[in-house]
Amino acid sequence: MKSPWKQLVLLMFSALAPIPASAQTAAPQTVSVDPALVAKANAGDAASQVLVADSYAAGKGVARDSKQLAADYKQAAAWYREAADQGHAGAQIHLAELYRDGMGVARDMAQAAGWYRKAAELGDAGAQGTLGMLYSMGQGVPHDDVEAYFWFDLAAAVKGPKQEQYAANRQNIGARITADELAQVQERVATWLAEHPRAGSTE
């Protein structure tokens, strides 16, 4: 049997033992972003702003709870907006997706559609196809089959993995508009393509 003194000494030493890492309260982790990249982003470089935003959205190397996730997406949205306001199509699409999903910003389909439209007007086929879908369904924009056809037709004119899908969507929408509407929208498409020449177009 251990003496009371020995028991006391053992208790004192156990109290001084290091606490296992699993039992310690972890300090909040933050996303690691290259300081040089942040400096370029702060100087107004749109491509760098998108890369910083991507880092926050991905949360590289950080185990995130819902609170940290929300904070990181808020940062991502702010950086995407900086680049989107400068006319960076990729940033506009990412920002549209955040508004669509309510990540880092309040869910707002009208805002999402607005940012998709900006990228679509810059010639991004993916944004054009998405905008066509939004018009065909009336999400974030009024339902408008003629407008949906216009954007699907532009998207279908670009070679890519979704080209056939855009063409099929255009054909489906085309069956829902009149011959006069079809002629007018095709004229709009021809005018747009003449004013916005782009690589990968099949027309």
N, C-alpha and C. Protein backbone atom coordinates (compact mmCIF):
# COMPACT_ATOMS: atom_id res chain seq x y z
N MET A 1 0.84 -1.19 0.00
CA MET A 1 0.00 0.00 0.00
C MET A 1 0.88 1.24 0.00
N LYS A 2 0.54 2.22 -0.91
CA LYS A 2 1.33 3.43 -1.02
C LYS A 2 1.01 4.36 0.14
N SER A 3 2.05 5.04 0.61
CA SER A 3 1.83 6.00 1.71
C SER A 3 1.09 7.21 1.17
N PRO A 4 0.42 7.99 2.04
CA PRO A 4 -0.29 9.20 1.60
C PRO A 4 0.65 10.17 0.90
N TRP A 5 1.92 10.24 1.37
CA TRP A 5 2.88 11.17 0.75
C TRP A 5 3.19 10.76 -0.69
N LYS A 6 3.39 9.45 -0.89
CA LYS A 6 3.68 8.97 -2.25
C LYS A 6 2.50 9.22 -3.18
N GLN A 7 1.29 9.02 -2.68
CA GLN A 7 0.10 9.27 -3.49
C GLN A 7 0.01 10.74 -3.88
N LEU A 8 0.35 11.62 -2.93
CA LEU A 8 0.30 13.06 -3.19
C LEU A 8 1.32 13.45 -4.25
N VAL A 9 2.54 12.89 -4.15
CA VAL A 9 3.57 13.18 -5.13
C VAL A 9 3.14 12.73 -6.52
N LEU A 10 2.55 11.53 -6.61
CA LEU A 10 2.08 11.02 -7.90
C LEU A 10 1.00 11.92 -8.49
N LEU A 11 0.10 12.43 -7.65
CA LEU A 11 -0.94 13.32 -8.11
C LEU A 11 -0.35 14.62 -8.63
N MET A 12 0.66 15.13 -7.94
CA MET A 12 1.30 16.39 -8.35
C MET A 12 1.97 16.22 -9.72
N PHE A 13 2.68 15.09 -9.93
CA PHE A 13 3.36 14.86 -11.21
C PHE A 13 2.36 14.66 -12.34
N SER A 14 1.25 14.00 -12.05
CA SER A 14 0.25 13.78 -13.09
C SER A 14 -0.39 15.10 -13.50
N ALA A 15 -0.50 16.02 -12.56
CA ALA A 15 -1.08 17.33 -12.86
C ALA A 15 -0.15 18.14 -13.77
N LEU A 16 1.17 17.88 -13.67
CA LEU A 16 2.13 18.61 -14.49
C LEU A 16 2.35 17.98 -15.85
N ALA A 17 1.83 16.81 -16.08
CA ALA A 17 2.03 16.11 -17.35
C ALA A 17 1.36 16.88 -18.49
N PRO A 18 1.94 16.85 -19.69
CA PRO A 18 1.35 17.58 -20.82
C PRO A 18 -0.02 17.02 -21.19
N ILE A 19 -0.91 17.93 -21.60
CA ILE A 19 -2.25 17.53 -22.00
C ILE A 19 -2.18 16.97 -23.42
N PRO A 20 -2.77 15.82 -23.66
CA PRO A 20 -2.76 15.27 -25.02
C PRO A 20 -3.33 16.26 -26.02
N ALA A 21 -2.78 16.25 -27.23
CA ALA A 21 -3.22 17.19 -28.25
C ALA A 21 -4.71 17.08 -28.53
N SER A 22 -5.22 15.84 -28.47
CA SER A 22 -6.64 15.63 -28.75
C SER A 22 -7.54 16.28 -27.73
N ALA A 23 -7.02 16.53 -26.54
CA ALA A 23 -7.82 17.12 -25.48
C ALA A 23 -7.69 18.64 -25.43
N GLN A 24 -6.72 19.18 -26.16
CA GLN A 24 -6.52 20.62 -26.16
C GLN A 24 -7.51 21.29 -27.10
N THR A 25 -7.85 22.53 -26.76
CA THR A 25 -8.72 23.30 -27.63
C THR A 25 -7.89 23.83 -28.78
N ALA A 26 -8.24 23.46 -29.99
CA ALA A 26 -7.46 23.87 -31.15
C ALA A 26 -7.68 25.35 -31.45
N ALA A 27 -6.60 26.03 -31.81
CA ALA A 27 -6.71 27.42 -32.21
C ALA A 27 -7.39 27.48 -33.57
N PRO A 28 -8.17 28.54 -33.82
CA PRO A 28 -8.84 28.63 -35.12
C PRO A 28 -7.83 28.59 -36.26
N GLN A 29 -8.10 27.77 -37.25
CA GLN A 29 -7.21 27.68 -38.39
C GLN A 29 -7.64 28.68 -39.45
N THR A 30 -6.69 29.22 -40.16
CA THR A 30 -7.02 30.12 -41.25
C THR A 30 -6.41 29.59 -42.54
N VAL A 31 -7.06 29.94 -43.63
CA VAL A 31 -6.58 29.50 -44.94
C VAL A 31 -5.23 30.15 -45.21
N SER A 32 -4.29 29.35 -45.67
CA SER A 32 -2.95 29.86 -45.98
C SER A 32 -2.91 30.33 -47.43
N VAL A 33 -2.63 31.62 -47.60
CA VAL A 33 -2.54 32.20 -48.93
C VAL A 33 -1.17 32.85 -49.08
N ASP A 34 -0.53 32.63 -50.19
CA ASP A 34 0.78 33.20 -50.47
C ASP A 34 0.73 34.73 -50.33
N PRO A 35 1.54 35.31 -49.42
CA PRO A 35 1.53 36.76 -49.20
C PRO A 35 1.79 37.56 -50.49
N ALA A 36 2.65 37.03 -51.35
CA ALA A 36 2.95 37.72 -52.61
C ALA A 36 1.70 37.79 -53.50
N LEU A 37 0.92 36.70 -53.47
CA LEU A 37 -0.32 36.65 -54.25
C LEU A 37 -1.32 37.65 -53.70
N VAL A 38 -1.41 37.71 -52.36
CA VAL A 38 -2.33 38.66 -51.72
C VAL A 38 -1.92 40.09 -52.06
N ALA A 39 -0.63 40.36 -52.08
CA ALA A 39 -0.14 41.69 -52.41
C ALA A 39 -0.56 42.08 -53.83
N LYS A 40 -0.44 41.14 -54.77
CA LYS A 40 -0.85 41.43 -56.15
C LYS A 40 -2.36 41.64 -56.22
N ALA A 41 -3.10 40.84 -55.45
CA ALA A 41 -4.55 40.98 -55.43
C ALA A 41 -4.95 42.34 -54.87
N ASN A 42 -4.29 42.75 -53.79
CA ASN A 42 -4.57 44.06 -53.18
C ASN A 42 -4.21 45.20 -54.12
N ALA A 43 -3.26 44.95 -55.02
CA ALA A 43 -2.85 45.98 -55.98
C ALA A 43 -3.83 46.07 -57.15
N GLY A 44 -4.82 45.15 -57.18
CA GLY A 44 -5.86 45.22 -58.20
C GLY A 44 -5.75 44.24 -59.34
N ASP A 45 -4.83 43.27 -59.25
CA ASP A 45 -4.69 42.27 -60.30
C ASP A 45 -5.85 41.27 -60.23
N ALA A 46 -6.71 41.27 -61.25
CA ALA A 46 -7.92 40.45 -61.22
C ALA A 46 -7.62 38.96 -61.14
N ALA A 47 -6.62 38.49 -61.91
CA ALA A 47 -6.29 37.06 -61.89
C ALA A 47 -5.84 36.63 -60.50
N SER A 48 -5.07 37.47 -59.82
CA SER A 48 -4.61 37.16 -58.46
C SER A 48 -5.78 37.18 -57.49
N GLN A 49 -6.71 38.11 -57.69
CA GLN A 49 -7.89 38.17 -56.83
C GLN A 49 -8.70 36.88 -56.92
N VAL A 50 -8.80 36.34 -58.14
CA VAL A 50 -9.53 35.08 -58.32
C VAL A 50 -8.81 33.94 -57.62
N LEU A 51 -7.48 33.91 -57.71
CA LEU A 51 -6.71 32.84 -57.06
C LEU A 51 -6.82 32.92 -55.53
N VAL A 52 -6.83 34.13 -54.99
CA VAL A 52 -7.02 34.28 -53.54
C VAL A 52 -8.42 33.79 -53.16
N ALA A 53 -9.41 34.19 -53.95
CA ALA A 53 -10.78 33.75 -53.69
C ALA A 53 -10.90 32.23 -53.77
N ASP A 54 -10.23 31.63 -54.78
CA ASP A 54 -10.24 30.17 -54.91
C ASP A 54 -9.67 29.50 -53.66
N SER A 55 -8.61 30.10 -53.10
CA SER A 55 -7.99 29.53 -51.90
C SER A 55 -8.96 29.52 -50.73
N TYR A 56 -9.68 30.62 -50.56
CA TYR A 56 -10.67 30.68 -49.46
C TYR A 56 -11.82 29.72 -49.71
N ALA A 57 -12.27 29.61 -50.96
CA ALA A 57 -13.38 28.71 -51.27
C ALA A 57 -12.99 27.26 -51.04
N ALA A 58 -11.73 26.91 -51.39
CA ALA A 58 -11.26 25.53 -51.25
C ALA A 58 -10.87 25.21 -49.81
N GLY A 59 -10.43 26.23 -49.06
CA GLY A 59 -10.02 26.01 -47.67
C GLY A 59 -8.86 25.04 -47.55
N LYS A 60 -7.84 25.23 -48.39
CA LYS A 60 -6.73 24.29 -48.43
C LYS A 60 -6.08 24.09 -47.06
N GLY A 61 -5.97 22.83 -46.65
CA GLY A 61 -5.26 22.47 -45.44
C GLY A 61 -5.96 22.85 -44.15
N VAL A 62 -7.23 23.23 -44.23
CA VAL A 62 -7.95 23.67 -43.04
C VAL A 62 -9.16 22.78 -42.79
N ALA A 63 -9.24 22.26 -41.57
CA ALA A 63 -10.42 21.50 -41.18
C ALA A 63 -11.47 22.51 -40.74
N ARG A 64 -12.56 22.63 -41.49
CA ARG A 64 -13.50 23.71 -41.25
C ARG A 64 -14.82 23.24 -40.64
N ASP A 65 -15.24 23.95 -39.60
CA ASP A 65 -16.60 23.74 -39.10
C ASP A 65 -17.51 24.70 -39.87
N SER A 66 -18.80 24.69 -39.58
CA SER A 66 -19.73 25.50 -40.36
C SER A 66 -19.45 26.99 -40.23
N LYS A 67 -18.99 27.41 -39.05
CA LYS A 67 -18.69 28.83 -38.83
C LYS A 67 -17.48 29.26 -39.67
N GLN A 68 -16.43 28.42 -39.67
CA GLN A 68 -15.23 28.74 -40.44
C GLN A 68 -15.54 28.68 -41.94
N LEU A 69 -16.36 27.73 -42.34
CA LEU A 69 -16.74 27.59 -43.74
C LEU A 69 -17.45 28.86 -44.22
N ALA A 70 -18.37 29.35 -43.40
CA ALA A 70 -19.12 30.56 -43.76
C ALA A 70 -18.19 31.76 -43.87
N ALA A 71 -17.24 31.87 -42.93
CA ALA A 71 -16.29 32.99 -42.95
C ALA A 71 -15.40 32.94 -44.18
N ASP A 72 -14.94 31.74 -44.54
CA ASP A 72 -14.07 31.58 -45.71
C ASP A 72 -14.81 31.91 -47.00
N TYR A 73 -16.05 31.46 -47.11
CA TYR A 73 -16.82 31.75 -48.32
C TYR A 73 -17.16 33.24 -48.42
N LYS A 74 -17.31 33.88 -47.27
CA LYS A 74 -17.55 35.33 -47.28
C LYS A 74 -16.33 36.05 -47.86
N GLN A 75 -15.13 35.59 -47.44
CA GLN A 75 -13.88 36.15 -47.98
C GLN A 75 -13.79 35.86 -49.48
N ALA A 76 -14.12 34.64 -49.86
CA ALA A 76 -14.07 34.26 -51.28
C ALA A 76 -14.99 35.15 -52.10
N ALA A 77 -16.20 35.37 -51.61
CA ALA A 77 -17.16 36.21 -52.34
C ALA A 77 -16.63 37.63 -52.51
N ALA A 78 -16.01 38.15 -51.47
CA ALA A 78 -15.48 39.51 -51.54
C ALA A 78 -14.38 39.62 -52.59
N TRP A 79 -13.50 38.63 -52.63
CA TRP A 79 -12.42 38.65 -53.62
C TRP A 79 -12.94 38.41 -55.03
N TYR A 80 -13.90 37.48 -55.19
CA TYR A 80 -14.48 37.27 -56.52
C TYR A 80 -15.14 38.56 -57.03
N ARG A 81 -15.80 39.28 -56.12
CA ARG A 81 -16.47 40.51 -56.54
C ARG A 81 -15.45 41.55 -57.03
N GLU A 82 -14.31 41.62 -56.33
CA GLU A 82 -13.27 42.57 -56.75
C GLU A 82 -12.89 42.31 -58.22
N ALA A 83 -12.67 41.04 -58.55
CA ALA A 83 -12.28 40.69 -59.92
C ALA A 83 -13.47 40.80 -60.89
N ALA A 84 -14.65 40.41 -60.41
CA ALA A 84 -15.85 40.47 -61.25
C ALA A 84 -16.15 41.90 -61.67
N ASP A 85 -15.95 42.84 -60.75
CA ASP A 85 -16.21 44.24 -61.06
C ASP A 85 -15.25 44.78 -62.11
N GLN A 86 -14.12 44.08 -62.30
CA GLN A 86 -13.15 44.48 -63.32
C GLN A 86 -13.42 43.79 -64.66
N GLY A 87 -14.49 42.98 -64.72
CA GLY A 87 -14.85 42.32 -65.97
C GLY A 87 -14.21 40.96 -66.17
N HIS A 88 -13.77 40.31 -65.08
CA HIS A 88 -13.19 38.96 -65.18
C HIS A 88 -14.33 37.94 -65.23
N ALA A 89 -14.52 37.31 -66.41
CA ALA A 89 -15.65 36.40 -66.61
C ALA A 89 -15.66 35.24 -65.62
N GLY A 90 -14.49 34.65 -65.36
CA GLY A 90 -14.42 33.54 -64.42
C GLY A 90 -14.88 33.94 -63.03
N ALA A 91 -14.47 35.13 -62.59
CA ALA A 91 -14.89 35.62 -61.27
C ALA A 91 -16.39 35.87 -61.25
N GLN A 92 -16.92 36.39 -62.35
CA GLN A 92 -18.36 36.64 -62.42
C GLN A 92 -19.15 35.34 -62.29
N ILE A 93 -18.64 34.28 -62.93
CA ILE A 93 -19.32 32.98 -62.85
C ILE A 93 -19.24 32.42 -61.43
N HIS A 94 -18.05 32.50 -60.81
CA HIS A 94 -17.91 32.02 -59.43
C HIS A 94 -18.84 32.79 -58.49
N LEU A 95 -18.91 34.09 -58.67
CA LEU A 95 -19.78 34.91 -57.83
C LEU A 95 -21.24 34.55 -58.05
N ALA A 96 -21.60 34.31 -59.30
CA ALA A 96 -22.96 33.87 -59.62
C ALA A 96 -23.29 32.56 -58.90
N GLU A 97 -22.32 31.64 -58.89
CA GLU A 97 -22.54 30.35 -58.23
C GLU A 97 -22.72 30.51 -56.73
N LEU A 98 -21.97 31.44 -56.13
CA LEU A 98 -22.12 31.69 -54.69
C LEU A 98 -23.50 32.25 -54.38
N TYR A 99 -23.99 33.16 -55.23
CA TYR A 99 -25.35 33.70 -55.03
C TYR A 99 -26.39 32.61 -55.26
N ARG A 100 -26.14 31.75 -56.24
CA ARG A 100 -27.08 30.65 -56.53
C ARG A 100 -27.20 29.70 -55.34
N ASP A 101 -26.05 29.41 -54.71
CA ASP A 101 -26.01 28.43 -53.62
C ASP A 101 -26.11 29.05 -52.23
N GLY A 102 -26.05 30.38 -52.14
CA GLY A 102 -26.09 31.04 -50.83
C GLY A 102 -24.85 30.76 -50.01
N MET A 103 -23.68 30.78 -50.65
CA MET A 103 -22.41 30.52 -49.96
C MET A 103 -21.62 31.82 -49.84
N GLY A 104 -21.46 32.33 -48.61
CA GLY A 104 -20.72 33.56 -48.39
C GLY A 104 -21.55 34.81 -48.62
N VAL A 105 -22.69 34.64 -49.24
CA VAL A 105 -23.64 35.71 -49.51
C VAL A 105 -25.04 35.13 -49.34
N ALA A 106 -26.02 36.00 -49.18
CA ALA A 106 -27.40 35.51 -49.10
C ALA A 106 -27.82 34.96 -50.45
N ARG A 107 -28.54 33.84 -50.44
CA ARG A 107 -28.98 33.24 -51.71
C ARG A 107 -29.88 34.22 -52.45
N ASP A 108 -29.55 34.49 -53.71
CA ASP A 108 -30.27 35.49 -54.48
C ASP A 108 -30.16 35.12 -55.96
N MET A 109 -31.22 34.53 -56.50
CA MET A 109 -31.16 34.07 -57.89
C MET A 109 -31.12 35.22 -58.88
N ALA A 110 -31.69 36.37 -58.52
CA ALA A 110 -31.62 37.52 -59.41
C ALA A 110 -30.18 38.01 -59.53
N GLN A 111 -29.47 38.04 -58.40
CA GLN A 111 -28.05 38.42 -58.42
C GLN A 111 -27.25 37.39 -59.22
N ALA A 112 -27.55 36.12 -59.00
CA ALA A 112 -26.85 35.05 -59.72
C ALA A 112 -27.04 35.24 -61.22
N ALA A 113 -28.29 35.45 -61.64
CA ALA A 113 -28.58 35.62 -63.06
C ALA A 113 -27.86 36.85 -63.62
N GLY A 114 -27.80 37.92 -62.82
CA GLY A 114 -27.13 39.13 -63.26
C GLY A 114 -25.65 38.92 -63.53
N TRP A 115 -25.00 38.16 -62.65
CA TRP A 115 -23.57 37.89 -62.84
C TRP A 115 -23.33 36.90 -63.97
N TYR A 116 -24.23 35.91 -64.11
CA TYR A 116 -24.11 35.00 -65.27
C TYR A 116 -24.25 35.79 -66.57
N ARG A 117 -25.15 36.77 -66.57
CA ARG A 117 -25.37 37.56 -67.78
C ARG A 117 -24.11 38.36 -68.14
N LYS A 118 -23.46 38.94 -67.14
CA LYS A 118 -22.24 39.71 -67.41
C LYS A 118 -21.19 38.81 -68.08
N ALA A 119 -21.03 37.59 -67.54
CA ALA A 119 -20.05 36.66 -68.13
C ALA A 119 -20.51 36.21 -69.52
N ALA A 120 -21.82 36.02 -69.68
CA ALA A 120 -22.37 35.60 -70.97
C ALA A 120 -22.13 36.67 -72.02
N GLU A 121 -22.29 37.93 -71.63
CA GLU A 121 -22.08 39.03 -72.57
C GLU A 121 -20.61 39.16 -72.96
N LEU A 122 -19.72 38.63 -72.11
CA LEU A 122 -18.29 38.62 -72.44
C LEU A 122 -17.92 37.45 -73.35
N GLY A 123 -18.92 36.57 -73.59
CA GLY A 123 -18.69 35.47 -74.53
C GLY A 123 -18.44 34.12 -73.90
N ASP A 124 -18.62 33.98 -72.59
CA ASP A 124 -18.39 32.68 -71.96
C ASP A 124 -19.55 31.74 -72.29
N ALA A 125 -19.25 30.64 -72.99
CA ALA A 125 -20.30 29.72 -73.44
C ALA A 125 -21.02 29.05 -72.28
N GLY A 126 -20.30 28.72 -71.21
CA GLY A 126 -20.94 28.10 -70.06
C GLY A 126 -21.94 29.03 -69.41
N ALA A 127 -21.57 30.30 -69.28
CA ALA A 127 -22.49 31.28 -68.71
C ALA A 127 -23.69 31.49 -69.63
N GLN A 128 -23.45 31.47 -70.94
CA GLN A 128 -24.55 31.61 -71.89
C GLN A 128 -25.54 30.46 -71.78
N GLY A 129 -25.01 29.24 -71.68
CA GLY A 129 -25.87 28.07 -71.54
C GLY A 129 -26.66 28.10 -70.25
N THR A 130 -26.00 28.54 -69.17
CA THR A 130 -26.69 28.63 -67.88
C THR A 130 -27.78 29.69 -67.93
N LEU A 131 -27.47 30.83 -68.56
CA LEU A 131 -28.45 31.90 -68.66
C LEU A 131 -29.65 31.45 -69.49
N GLY A 132 -29.38 30.68 -70.55
CA GLY A 132 -30.48 30.14 -71.33
C GLY A 132 -31.39 29.26 -70.49
N MET A 133 -30.78 28.45 -69.63
CA MET A 133 -31.56 27.58 -68.74
C MET A 133 -32.39 28.42 -67.77
N LEU A 134 -31.79 29.48 -67.22
CA LEU A 134 -32.51 30.33 -66.27
C LEU A 134 -33.72 30.98 -66.93
N TYR A 135 -33.55 31.45 -68.17
CA TYR A 135 -34.69 32.05 -68.88
C TYR A 135 -35.75 31.02 -69.21
N SER A 136 -35.32 29.80 -69.53
CA SER A 136 -36.30 28.76 -69.88
C SER A 136 -37.12 28.32 -68.66
N MET A 137 -36.54 28.49 -67.47
CA MET A 137 -37.21 28.08 -66.24
C MET A 137 -37.78 29.26 -65.43
N GLY A 138 -37.38 30.47 -65.81
CA GLY A 138 -37.84 31.64 -65.06
C GLY A 138 -37.23 31.73 -63.69
N GLN A 139 -35.96 31.41 -63.57
CA GLN A 139 -35.26 31.48 -62.28
C GLN A 139 -34.33 32.68 -62.25
N GLY A 140 -34.64 33.66 -61.40
CA GLY A 140 -33.82 34.87 -61.29
C GLY A 140 -34.09 35.87 -62.39
N VAL A 141 -34.80 35.45 -63.41
CA VAL A 141 -35.20 36.29 -64.54
C VAL A 141 -36.62 35.87 -64.93
N PRO A 142 -37.35 36.73 -65.64
CA PRO A 142 -38.69 36.32 -66.09
C PRO A 142 -38.57 35.16 -67.10
N HIS A 143 -39.56 34.28 -67.10
CA HIS A 143 -39.57 33.20 -68.09
C HIS A 143 -39.69 33.82 -69.47
N ASP A 144 -38.77 33.45 -70.37
CA ASP A 144 -38.75 34.03 -71.71
C ASP A 144 -38.08 33.04 -72.66
N ASP A 145 -38.89 32.33 -73.45
CA ASP A 145 -38.34 31.31 -74.34
C ASP A 145 -37.50 31.90 -75.46
N VAL A 146 -37.85 33.09 -75.93
CA VAL A 146 -37.07 33.72 -76.99
C VAL A 146 -35.67 34.06 -76.48
N GLU A 147 -35.62 34.62 -75.28
CA GLU A 147 -34.32 34.96 -74.69
C GLU A 147 -33.52 33.69 -74.39
N ALA A 148 -34.21 32.65 -73.94
CA ALA A 148 -33.54 31.36 -73.69
C ALA A 148 -32.94 30.82 -74.98
N TYR A 149 -33.68 30.89 -76.08
CA TYR A 149 -33.18 30.42 -77.37
C TYR A 149 -31.94 31.20 -77.77
N PHE A 150 -31.98 32.51 -77.59
CA PHE A 150 -30.84 33.36 -77.95
C PHE A 150 -29.56 32.90 -77.25
N TRP A 151 -29.63 32.69 -75.95
CA TRP A 151 -28.43 32.32 -75.20
C TRP A 151 -28.01 30.87 -75.48
N PHE A 152 -28.98 29.98 -75.64
CA PHE A 152 -28.63 28.60 -76.00
C PHE A 152 -27.96 28.55 -77.38
N ASP A 153 -28.45 29.35 -78.31
CA ASP A 153 -27.88 29.36 -79.65
C ASP A 153 -26.44 29.85 -79.63
N LEU A 154 -26.17 30.89 -78.85
CA LEU A 154 -24.80 31.38 -78.72
C LEU A 154 -23.89 30.32 -78.09
N ALA A 155 -24.40 29.67 -77.04
CA ALA A 155 -23.60 28.64 -76.36
C ALA A 155 -23.33 27.45 -77.27
N ALA A 156 -24.31 27.10 -78.09
CA ALA A 156 -24.18 25.94 -78.98
C ALA A 156 -23.23 26.21 -80.15
N ALA A 157 -22.87 27.47 -80.34
CA ALA A 157 -21.96 27.82 -81.44
C ALA A 157 -20.50 27.62 -81.07
N VAL A 158 -20.25 27.21 -79.82
CA VAL A 158 -18.86 27.06 -79.36
C VAL A 158 -18.57 25.58 -79.09
N LYS A 159 -17.46 25.10 -79.67
CA LYS A 159 -17.06 23.71 -79.43
C LYS A 159 -16.74 23.53 -77.95
N GLY A 160 -17.22 22.42 -77.39
CA GLY A 160 -16.94 22.14 -75.99
C GLY A 160 -17.72 20.93 -75.53
N PRO A 161 -17.48 20.49 -74.28
CA PRO A 161 -18.12 19.28 -73.78
C PRO A 161 -19.64 19.36 -73.67
N LYS A 162 -20.18 20.59 -73.57
CA LYS A 162 -21.64 20.74 -73.42
C LYS A 162 -22.31 21.27 -74.68
N GLN A 163 -21.56 21.31 -75.78
CA GLN A 163 -22.10 21.88 -77.01
C GLN A 163 -23.37 21.16 -77.47
N GLU A 164 -23.35 19.84 -77.45
CA GLU A 164 -24.52 19.07 -77.89
C GLU A 164 -25.72 19.31 -76.96
N GLN A 165 -25.43 19.44 -75.68
CA GLN A 165 -26.51 19.70 -74.71
C GLN A 165 -27.16 21.05 -74.99
N TYR A 166 -26.33 22.06 -75.25
CA TYR A 166 -26.87 23.39 -75.55
C TYR A 166 -27.69 23.36 -76.83
N ALA A 167 -27.22 22.61 -77.83
CA ALA A 167 -27.94 22.50 -79.09
C ALA A 167 -29.30 21.80 -78.90
N ALA A 168 -29.31 20.77 -78.05
CA ALA A 168 -30.56 20.07 -77.77
C ALA A 168 -31.54 20.98 -77.03
N ASN A 169 -31.01 21.75 -76.08
CA ASN A 169 -31.87 22.69 -75.34
C ASN A 169 -32.43 23.75 -76.30
N ARG A 170 -31.59 24.22 -77.21
CA ARG A 170 -32.03 25.20 -78.21
C ARG A 170 -33.16 24.63 -79.06
N GLN A 171 -33.00 23.37 -79.48
CA GLN A 171 -34.02 22.74 -80.31
C GLN A 171 -35.35 22.61 -79.56
N ASN A 172 -35.27 22.23 -78.29
CA ASN A 172 -36.49 22.10 -77.48
C ASN A 172 -37.19 23.44 -77.32
N ILE A 173 -36.40 24.49 -77.06
CA ILE A 173 -36.97 25.82 -76.89
C ILE A 173 -37.52 26.32 -78.23
N GLY A 174 -36.82 26.00 -79.33
CA GLY A 174 -37.27 26.44 -80.65
C GLY A 174 -38.66 25.96 -81.00
N ALA A 175 -39.05 24.81 -80.45
CA ALA A 175 -40.39 24.27 -80.72
C ALA A 175 -41.47 25.05 -79.97
N ARG A 176 -41.05 25.92 -79.06
CA ARG A 176 -42.04 26.66 -78.24
C ARG A 176 -42.17 28.12 -78.65
N ILE A 177 -41.46 28.53 -79.70
CA ILE A 177 -41.58 29.92 -80.15
C ILE A 177 -42.11 29.95 -81.58
N THR A 178 -42.64 31.11 -81.98
CA THR A 178 -43.24 31.22 -83.32
C THR A 178 -42.16 31.37 -84.38
N ALA A 179 -42.56 31.22 -85.63
CA ALA A 179 -41.62 31.35 -86.74
C ALA A 179 -41.06 32.77 -86.80
N ASP A 180 -41.90 33.76 -86.54
CA ASP A 180 -41.45 35.15 -86.53
C ASP A 180 -40.44 35.39 -85.42
N GLU A 181 -40.73 34.86 -84.24
CA GLU A 181 -39.80 35.01 -83.11
C GLU A 181 -38.47 34.33 -83.41
N LEU A 182 -38.56 33.15 -84.05
CA LEU A 182 -37.35 32.41 -84.41
C LEU A 182 -36.49 33.21 -85.39
N ALA A 183 -37.12 33.81 -86.38
CA ALA A 183 -36.38 34.60 -87.37
C ALA A 183 -35.70 35.80 -86.71
N GLN A 184 -36.43 36.46 -85.81
CA GLN A 184 -35.89 37.63 -85.14
C GLN A 184 -34.72 37.28 -84.23
N VAL A 185 -34.85 36.18 -83.48
CA VAL A 185 -33.79 35.81 -82.55
C VAL A 185 -32.56 35.31 -83.30
N GLN A 186 -32.76 34.64 -84.43
CA GLN A 186 -31.61 34.21 -85.23
C GLN A 186 -30.86 35.40 -85.81
N GLU A 187 -31.59 36.45 -86.13
CA GLU A 187 -30.96 37.68 -86.61
C GLU A 187 -30.14 38.33 -85.48
N ARG A 188 -30.70 38.31 -84.28
CA ARG A 188 -29.97 38.83 -83.11
C ARG A 188 -28.68 38.05 -82.88
N VAL A 189 -28.77 36.73 -83.00
CA VAL A 189 -27.59 35.88 -82.80
C VAL A 189 -26.52 36.21 -83.83
N ALA A 190 -26.92 36.35 -85.10
CA ALA A 190 -25.96 36.66 -86.17
C ALA A 190 -25.28 37.99 -85.90
N THR A 191 -26.05 38.97 -85.45
CA THR A 191 -25.48 40.29 -85.15
C THR A 191 -24.50 40.20 -83.99
N TRP A 192 -24.90 39.45 -82.95
CA TRP A 192 -24.03 39.32 -81.77
C TRP A 192 -22.71 38.65 -82.15
N LEU A 193 -22.79 37.59 -82.92
CA LEU A 193 -21.58 36.86 -83.32
C LEU A 193 -20.67 37.72 -84.19
N ALA A 194 -21.28 38.55 -85.02
CA ALA A 194 -20.46 39.44 -85.87
C ALA A 194 -19.74 40.48 -85.03
N GLU A 195 -20.38 40.88 -83.93
CA GLU A 195 -19.78 41.91 -83.06
C GLU A 195 -18.84 41.32 -82.02
N HIS A 196 -18.94 40.02 -81.81
CA HIS A 196 -18.12 39.35 -80.79
C HIS A 196 -17.43 38.12 -81.37
N PRO A 197 -16.50 38.30 -82.30
CA PRO A 197 -15.78 37.12 -82.84
C PRO A 197 -15.03 36.41 -81.73
N ARG A 198 -15.05 35.10 -81.76
CA ARG A 198 -14.39 34.34 -80.69
C ARG A 198 -13.86 33.03 -81.20
N ALA A 199 -12.83 32.55 -80.52
CA ALA A 199 -12.23 31.27 -80.87
C ALA A 199 -13.19 30.16 -80.51
N GLY A 200 -13.20 29.10 -81.29
CA GLY A 200 -14.01 27.93 -80.96
C GLY A 200 -15.40 27.99 -81.52
N SER A 201 -15.77 29.11 -82.18
CA SER A 201 -17.11 29.22 -82.73
C SER A 201 -17.24 28.32 -83.95
N THR A 202 -18.41 27.69 -84.09
CA THR A 202 -18.67 26.82 -85.24
C THR A 202 -19.45 27.55 -86.31
N GLU A 203 -19.70 28.83 -86.09
CA GLU A 203 -20.48 29.59 -87.08
C GLU A 203 -19.63 30.71 -87.64
